[in-house]
């Protein structure tokens, strides 16, 4: 363990940051949110967007109703909703995707719109690609 007077990279990089996670209720999004809300990261706000309010409710309880958490019900195929959610965000983790191969095989249009168009929307809404 580092001495108390040693400033860690976590504290410098994330201090006071506003972070967003697409697909926050999935396995990757949930793990990221649990990690980023630890005191040593000292983030000011964590915004998440996902489609199911039930999963958001579960996550909210897992995170002890942390007041830094803001959850948006939405879909990455809705660029306007993403723009609203990403307002003031400094760092973004894009974890929303249809990842199950069998589901993609049987639902090719959904796979293309979620994984393809949805990712383009995330880029546009985050102003990384115009």
N, C-alpha and C. Protein backbone atom coordinates (compact mmCIF):
# COMPACT_ATOMS: atom_id res chain seq x y z
N UNK A 1 0.85 -1.19 0.00
CA UNK A 1 0.00 0.00 0.00
C UNK A 1 0.89 1.25 0.00
N UNK A 2 0.58 2.23 -0.88
CA UNK A 2 1.43 3.43 -0.94
C UNK A 2 1.24 4.31 0.29
N UNK A 3 2.25 5.10 0.62
CA UNK A 3 2.12 5.99 1.76
C UNK A 3 1.01 7.03 1.52
N UNK A 4 0.47 7.59 2.60
CA UNK A 4 -0.64 8.54 2.51
C UNK A 4 -0.28 9.79 1.72
N UNK A 5 0.95 10.21 1.74
CA UNK A 5 1.34 11.44 1.06
C UNK A 5 1.60 11.23 -0.44
N UNK A 6 1.53 10.00 -0.92
CA UNK A 6 1.75 9.71 -2.33
C UNK A 6 0.41 9.82 -3.06
N UNK A 7 0.36 10.68 -4.06
CA UNK A 7 -0.87 10.86 -4.84
C UNK A 7 -0.90 9.80 -5.92
N UNK A 8 -1.99 9.03 -5.97
CA UNK A 8 -2.08 7.99 -6.98
C UNK A 8 -2.60 8.55 -8.29
N UNK A 9 -2.33 7.85 -9.37
CA UNK A 9 -2.79 8.26 -10.69
C UNK A 9 -4.32 8.28 -10.73
N UNK A 10 -4.97 7.35 -10.00
CA UNK A 10 -6.44 7.33 -9.96
C UNK A 10 -6.97 8.67 -9.47
N UNK A 11 -6.40 9.17 -8.40
CA UNK A 11 -6.89 10.41 -7.81
C UNK A 11 -6.69 11.60 -8.74
N UNK A 12 -5.59 11.63 -9.45
CA UNK A 12 -5.31 12.75 -10.35
C UNK A 12 -6.22 12.68 -11.59
N UNK A 13 -6.32 11.52 -12.19
CA UNK A 13 -7.03 11.38 -13.46
C UNK A 13 -8.53 11.55 -13.31
N UNK A 14 -9.13 10.95 -12.30
CA UNK A 14 -10.58 10.92 -12.17
C UNK A 14 -11.15 11.98 -11.24
N UNK A 15 -10.33 12.67 -10.50
CA UNK A 15 -10.80 13.61 -9.47
C UNK A 15 -11.83 14.60 -10.02
N UNK A 16 -13.05 14.53 -9.49
CA UNK A 16 -14.10 15.46 -9.88
C UNK A 16 -14.68 15.24 -11.26
N UNK A 17 -14.33 14.15 -11.91
CA UNK A 17 -14.77 13.92 -13.29
C UNK A 17 -16.22 13.45 -13.36
N UNK A 18 -16.84 13.77 -14.49
CA UNK A 18 -18.16 13.26 -14.83
C UNK A 18 -17.98 12.16 -15.86
N UNK A 19 -18.48 10.98 -15.55
CA UNK A 19 -18.26 9.79 -16.38
C UNK A 19 -19.60 9.22 -16.80
N UNK A 20 -19.66 8.70 -18.04
CA UNK A 20 -20.88 8.03 -18.51
C UNK A 20 -20.53 6.62 -18.97
N UNK A 21 -21.53 5.74 -18.83
CA UNK A 21 -21.39 4.36 -19.29
C UNK A 21 -22.66 4.00 -20.05
N UNK A 22 -22.51 3.62 -21.33
CA UNK A 22 -23.65 3.07 -22.05
C UNK A 22 -23.74 1.59 -21.68
N UNK A 23 -24.95 1.06 -21.64
CA UNK A 23 -25.10 -0.33 -21.24
C UNK A 23 -24.68 -0.55 -19.81
N UNK A 24 -24.99 0.40 -18.95
CA UNK A 24 -24.51 0.37 -17.56
C UNK A 24 -25.02 -0.83 -16.78
N UNK A 25 -26.15 -1.41 -17.17
CA UNK A 25 -26.69 -2.52 -16.40
C UNK A 25 -26.21 -3.89 -16.87
N UNK A 26 -25.41 -3.91 -17.93
CA UNK A 26 -24.82 -5.17 -18.37
C UNK A 26 -23.67 -5.57 -17.47
N UNK A 27 -23.04 -6.69 -17.77
CA UNK A 27 -21.96 -7.18 -16.90
C UNK A 27 -20.76 -6.23 -16.87
N UNK A 28 -20.34 -5.73 -18.01
CA UNK A 28 -19.21 -4.79 -18.05
C UNK A 28 -19.59 -3.46 -17.42
N UNK A 29 -20.76 -2.92 -17.77
CA UNK A 29 -21.20 -1.65 -17.22
C UNK A 29 -21.36 -1.68 -15.71
N UNK A 30 -21.91 -2.77 -15.19
CA UNK A 30 -22.07 -2.92 -13.75
C UNK A 30 -20.71 -2.97 -13.05
N UNK A 31 -19.78 -3.74 -13.58
CA UNK A 31 -18.44 -3.83 -12.99
C UNK A 31 -17.73 -2.48 -13.02
N UNK A 32 -17.83 -1.76 -14.15
CA UNK A 32 -17.21 -0.44 -14.25
C UNK A 32 -17.81 0.54 -13.24
N UNK A 33 -19.13 0.51 -13.12
CA UNK A 33 -19.77 1.45 -12.19
C UNK A 33 -19.36 1.17 -10.76
N UNK A 34 -19.29 -0.09 -10.38
CA UNK A 34 -18.86 -0.43 -9.02
C UNK A 34 -17.43 0.04 -8.76
N UNK A 35 -16.57 -0.10 -9.75
CA UNK A 35 -15.18 0.33 -9.60
C UNK A 35 -15.06 1.85 -9.53
N UNK A 36 -15.72 2.55 -10.47
CA UNK A 36 -15.57 4.00 -10.55
C UNK A 36 -16.20 4.75 -9.38
N UNK A 37 -17.17 4.14 -8.70
CA UNK A 37 -17.79 4.80 -7.56
C UNK A 37 -17.03 4.58 -6.25
N UNK A 38 -15.91 3.85 -6.32
CA UNK A 38 -15.07 3.69 -5.13
C UNK A 38 -14.50 5.06 -4.75
N UNK A 39 -14.32 5.29 -3.45
CA UNK A 39 -13.84 6.60 -2.98
C UNK A 39 -12.51 7.03 -3.59
N UNK A 40 -11.63 6.10 -3.87
CA UNK A 40 -10.30 6.49 -4.36
C UNK A 40 -10.33 7.14 -5.74
N UNK A 41 -11.40 6.94 -6.50
CA UNK A 41 -11.49 7.57 -7.82
C UNK A 41 -12.06 8.99 -7.71
N UNK A 42 -12.88 9.23 -6.71
CA UNK A 42 -13.37 10.57 -6.41
C UNK A 42 -14.07 11.24 -7.60
N UNK A 43 -14.87 10.47 -8.34
CA UNK A 43 -15.61 11.08 -9.44
C UNK A 43 -16.78 11.88 -8.88
N UNK A 44 -17.22 12.87 -9.63
CA UNK A 44 -18.32 13.70 -9.15
C UNK A 44 -19.68 13.19 -9.59
N UNK A 45 -19.71 12.51 -10.75
CA UNK A 45 -21.00 12.06 -11.29
C UNK A 45 -20.78 10.87 -12.20
N UNK A 46 -21.68 9.90 -12.10
CA UNK A 46 -21.68 8.75 -13.00
C UNK A 46 -23.06 8.66 -13.64
N UNK A 47 -23.07 8.81 -14.96
CA UNK A 47 -24.31 8.74 -15.74
C UNK A 47 -24.33 7.41 -16.47
N UNK A 48 -25.46 6.75 -16.40
CA UNK A 48 -25.61 5.48 -17.12
C UNK A 48 -26.86 5.50 -17.96
N UNK A 49 -26.80 4.80 -19.08
CA UNK A 49 -27.97 4.66 -19.93
C UNK A 49 -28.14 3.19 -20.29
N UNK A 50 -29.36 2.73 -20.15
CA UNK A 50 -29.71 1.35 -20.52
C UNK A 50 -31.21 1.30 -20.76
N UNK A 51 -31.68 0.18 -21.27
CA UNK A 51 -33.08 0.08 -21.69
C UNK A 51 -34.05 -0.38 -20.62
N UNK A 52 -33.61 -1.10 -19.62
CA UNK A 52 -34.54 -1.72 -18.67
C UNK A 52 -34.50 -1.05 -17.31
N UNK A 53 -35.64 -0.51 -16.89
CA UNK A 53 -35.70 0.13 -15.58
C UNK A 53 -35.51 -0.88 -14.46
N UNK A 54 -35.92 -2.14 -14.69
CA UNK A 54 -35.76 -3.15 -13.65
C UNK A 54 -34.28 -3.40 -13.35
N UNK A 55 -33.48 -3.47 -14.40
CA UNK A 55 -32.05 -3.66 -14.21
C UNK A 55 -31.41 -2.43 -13.57
N UNK A 56 -31.92 -1.26 -13.92
CA UNK A 56 -31.41 -0.03 -13.30
C UNK A 56 -31.74 -0.01 -11.81
N UNK A 57 -32.93 -0.46 -11.47
CA UNK A 57 -33.32 -0.52 -10.06
C UNK A 57 -32.41 -1.46 -9.29
N UNK A 58 -32.11 -2.63 -9.88
CA UNK A 58 -31.19 -3.59 -9.27
C UNK A 58 -29.82 -2.96 -9.06
N UNK A 59 -29.31 -2.27 -10.09
CA UNK A 59 -27.98 -1.66 -9.99
C UNK A 59 -27.97 -0.55 -8.94
N UNK A 60 -29.00 0.26 -8.91
CA UNK A 60 -29.10 1.34 -7.93
C UNK A 60 -28.98 0.78 -6.51
N UNK A 61 -29.65 -0.33 -6.26
CA UNK A 61 -29.58 -0.96 -4.94
C UNK A 61 -28.20 -1.56 -4.68
N UNK A 62 -27.60 -2.17 -5.69
CA UNK A 62 -26.24 -2.73 -5.54
C UNK A 62 -25.23 -1.64 -5.21
N UNK A 63 -25.48 -0.43 -5.71
CA UNK A 63 -24.56 0.68 -5.49
C UNK A 63 -24.99 1.54 -4.30
N UNK A 64 -25.84 1.00 -3.46
CA UNK A 64 -26.29 1.66 -2.23
C UNK A 64 -26.87 3.05 -2.48
N UNK A 65 -27.61 3.19 -3.58
CA UNK A 65 -28.26 4.46 -3.92
C UNK A 65 -27.29 5.64 -3.87
N UNK A 66 -26.10 5.44 -4.39
CA UNK A 66 -25.07 6.49 -4.42
C UNK A 66 -25.65 7.73 -5.10
N UNK A 67 -25.55 8.88 -4.45
CA UNK A 67 -26.16 10.09 -4.99
C UNK A 67 -25.42 10.67 -6.20
N UNK A 68 -24.27 10.12 -6.53
CA UNK A 68 -23.55 10.56 -7.74
C UNK A 68 -24.08 9.86 -8.99
N UNK A 69 -24.89 8.84 -8.81
CA UNK A 69 -25.39 8.02 -9.91
C UNK A 69 -26.64 8.64 -10.53
N UNK A 70 -26.64 8.79 -11.86
CA UNK A 70 -27.80 9.27 -12.61
C UNK A 70 -28.06 8.26 -13.71
N UNK A 71 -29.24 7.65 -13.69
CA UNK A 71 -29.57 6.62 -14.67
C UNK A 71 -30.64 7.11 -15.63
N UNK A 72 -30.38 6.91 -16.92
CA UNK A 72 -31.30 7.27 -17.98
C UNK A 72 -31.83 6.00 -18.62
N UNK A 73 -33.15 5.90 -18.75
CA UNK A 73 -33.73 4.82 -19.54
C UNK A 73 -33.66 5.28 -20.98
N UNK A 74 -33.01 4.49 -21.81
CA UNK A 74 -32.86 4.89 -23.20
C UNK A 74 -32.13 3.83 -23.98
N UNK A 75 -32.01 4.09 -25.25
CA UNK A 75 -31.43 3.15 -26.20
C UNK A 75 -30.37 3.89 -27.01
N UNK A 76 -29.27 3.23 -27.28
CA UNK A 76 -28.20 3.89 -28.04
C UNK A 76 -28.61 4.17 -29.49
N UNK A 77 -29.74 3.64 -29.90
CA UNK A 77 -30.25 3.95 -31.24
C UNK A 77 -30.98 5.29 -31.27
N UNK A 78 -31.13 5.93 -30.12
CA UNK A 78 -31.80 7.23 -30.01
C UNK A 78 -30.75 8.30 -29.69
N UNK A 79 -30.25 8.95 -30.75
CA UNK A 79 -29.14 9.90 -30.59
C UNK A 79 -29.54 11.09 -29.73
N UNK A 80 -30.79 11.53 -29.79
CA UNK A 80 -31.21 12.67 -28.97
C UNK A 80 -31.19 12.33 -27.48
N UNK A 81 -31.58 11.12 -27.16
CA UNK A 81 -31.53 10.68 -25.75
C UNK A 81 -30.09 10.61 -25.27
N UNK A 82 -29.20 10.14 -26.13
CA UNK A 82 -27.79 10.07 -25.79
C UNK A 82 -27.22 11.46 -25.54
N UNK A 83 -27.57 12.41 -26.40
CA UNK A 83 -27.08 13.78 -26.23
C UNK A 83 -27.51 14.35 -24.88
N UNK A 84 -28.73 14.09 -24.49
CA UNK A 84 -29.23 14.54 -23.19
C UNK A 84 -28.43 13.89 -22.06
N UNK A 85 -28.22 12.60 -22.15
CA UNK A 85 -27.50 11.87 -21.10
C UNK A 85 -26.04 12.29 -21.01
N UNK A 86 -25.41 12.61 -22.13
CA UNK A 86 -23.99 12.92 -22.17
C UNK A 86 -23.66 14.38 -21.87
N UNK A 87 -24.66 15.21 -21.60
CA UNK A 87 -24.41 16.62 -21.33
C UNK A 87 -23.47 16.78 -20.13
N UNK A 88 -22.34 17.43 -20.35
CA UNK A 88 -21.37 17.67 -19.29
C UNK A 88 -20.44 16.51 -18.98
N UNK A 89 -20.50 15.47 -19.77
CA UNK A 89 -19.67 14.28 -19.53
C UNK A 89 -18.25 14.50 -20.06
N UNK A 90 -17.28 14.08 -19.26
CA UNK A 90 -15.87 14.21 -19.65
C UNK A 90 -15.27 12.90 -20.16
N UNK A 91 -15.74 11.78 -19.61
CA UNK A 91 -15.22 10.46 -20.00
C UNK A 91 -16.39 9.54 -20.28
N UNK A 92 -16.24 8.70 -21.30
CA UNK A 92 -17.33 7.83 -21.71
C UNK A 92 -16.82 6.41 -21.95
N UNK A 93 -17.54 5.45 -21.37
CA UNK A 93 -17.30 4.03 -21.64
C UNK A 93 -18.50 3.52 -22.43
N UNK A 94 -18.25 3.00 -23.61
CA UNK A 94 -19.34 2.47 -24.45
C UNK A 94 -19.37 0.95 -24.28
N UNK A 95 -20.32 0.47 -23.47
CA UNK A 95 -20.43 -0.96 -23.19
C UNK A 95 -21.73 -1.56 -23.70
N UNK A 96 -22.57 -0.75 -24.34
CA UNK A 96 -23.85 -1.25 -24.84
C UNK A 96 -23.63 -1.95 -26.18
N UNK A 97 -24.09 -3.17 -26.26
CA UNK A 97 -24.00 -3.92 -27.51
C UNK A 97 -24.79 -5.21 -27.38
N UNK A 98 -25.17 -5.72 -28.51
CA UNK A 98 -25.76 -7.06 -28.55
C UNK A 98 -24.58 -7.99 -28.77
N UNK A 99 -24.22 -8.76 -27.73
CA UNK A 99 -22.96 -9.52 -27.75
C UNK A 99 -23.13 -11.02 -27.98
N UNK A 100 -24.32 -11.53 -27.76
CA UNK A 100 -24.55 -12.96 -27.89
C UNK A 100 -24.64 -13.33 -29.37
N UNK A 101 -23.75 -14.17 -29.84
CA UNK A 101 -23.67 -14.52 -31.26
C UNK A 101 -24.98 -15.14 -31.75
N UNK A 102 -25.55 -16.02 -30.97
CA UNK A 102 -26.80 -16.66 -31.38
C UNK A 102 -27.92 -15.63 -31.53
N UNK A 103 -27.98 -14.69 -30.61
CA UNK A 103 -28.99 -13.63 -30.70
C UNK A 103 -28.77 -12.78 -31.94
N UNK A 104 -27.52 -12.49 -32.25
CA UNK A 104 -27.22 -11.72 -33.46
C UNK A 104 -27.57 -12.51 -34.72
N UNK A 105 -27.31 -13.80 -34.69
CA UNK A 105 -27.61 -14.65 -35.84
C UNK A 105 -29.11 -14.66 -36.14
N UNK A 106 -29.93 -14.76 -35.10
CA UNK A 106 -31.37 -14.84 -35.29
C UNK A 106 -32.04 -13.46 -35.38
N UNK A 107 -31.31 -12.42 -35.04
CA UNK A 107 -31.85 -11.06 -35.07
C UNK A 107 -30.85 -10.12 -35.76
N UNK A 108 -30.57 -10.36 -37.04
CA UNK A 108 -29.50 -9.59 -37.71
C UNK A 108 -29.77 -8.10 -37.80
N UNK A 109 -31.01 -7.71 -38.01
CA UNK A 109 -31.31 -6.28 -38.11
C UNK A 109 -31.07 -5.59 -36.76
N UNK A 110 -31.50 -6.25 -35.68
CA UNK A 110 -31.26 -5.70 -34.34
C UNK A 110 -29.75 -5.61 -34.07
N UNK A 111 -29.02 -6.64 -34.44
CA UNK A 111 -27.57 -6.63 -34.23
C UNK A 111 -26.91 -5.47 -34.98
N UNK A 112 -27.33 -5.26 -36.22
CA UNK A 112 -26.75 -4.17 -37.01
C UNK A 112 -27.13 -2.79 -36.47
N UNK A 113 -28.39 -2.64 -36.08
CA UNK A 113 -28.80 -1.31 -35.61
C UNK A 113 -28.23 -1.00 -34.22
N UNK A 114 -28.19 -1.99 -33.36
CA UNK A 114 -27.63 -1.74 -32.02
C UNK A 114 -26.11 -1.58 -32.09
N UNK A 115 -25.44 -2.55 -32.67
CA UNK A 115 -23.97 -2.54 -32.67
C UNK A 115 -23.37 -1.56 -33.67
N UNK A 116 -24.03 -1.36 -34.79
CA UNK A 116 -23.50 -0.45 -35.82
C UNK A 116 -24.01 0.96 -35.65
N UNK A 117 -25.29 1.15 -35.92
CA UNK A 117 -25.88 2.50 -35.84
C UNK A 117 -25.80 3.04 -34.42
N UNK A 118 -26.02 2.18 -33.44
CA UNK A 118 -25.93 2.63 -32.05
C UNK A 118 -24.56 3.18 -31.71
N UNK A 119 -23.52 2.52 -32.17
CA UNK A 119 -22.15 2.99 -31.91
C UNK A 119 -21.89 4.32 -32.61
N UNK A 120 -22.37 4.47 -33.84
CA UNK A 120 -22.25 5.75 -34.54
C UNK A 120 -22.97 6.84 -33.75
N UNK A 121 -24.16 6.53 -33.23
CA UNK A 121 -24.90 7.50 -32.42
C UNK A 121 -24.13 7.90 -31.17
N UNK A 122 -23.50 6.93 -30.52
CA UNK A 122 -22.70 7.23 -29.32
C UNK A 122 -21.57 8.19 -29.69
N UNK A 123 -20.92 7.93 -30.79
CA UNK A 123 -19.83 8.82 -31.24
C UNK A 123 -20.36 10.22 -31.54
N UNK A 124 -21.48 10.31 -32.24
CA UNK A 124 -22.05 11.61 -32.58
C UNK A 124 -22.49 12.36 -31.32
N UNK A 125 -23.16 11.67 -30.43
CA UNK A 125 -23.66 12.32 -29.20
C UNK A 125 -22.52 12.76 -28.29
N UNK A 126 -21.41 12.07 -28.35
CA UNK A 126 -20.27 12.44 -27.50
C UNK A 126 -19.39 13.48 -28.18
N UNK A 127 -19.76 13.85 -29.38
CA UNK A 127 -19.04 14.85 -30.16
C UNK A 127 -17.63 14.41 -30.54
N UNK A 128 -17.41 13.09 -30.54
CA UNK A 128 -16.11 12.57 -30.98
C UNK A 128 -16.06 12.42 -32.50
N UNK A 129 -17.25 12.37 -33.09
CA UNK A 129 -17.33 12.19 -34.53
C UNK A 129 -18.56 12.94 -35.01
N UNK A 130 -18.38 13.89 -35.87
CA UNK A 130 -19.52 14.71 -36.31
C UNK A 130 -19.88 14.42 -37.75
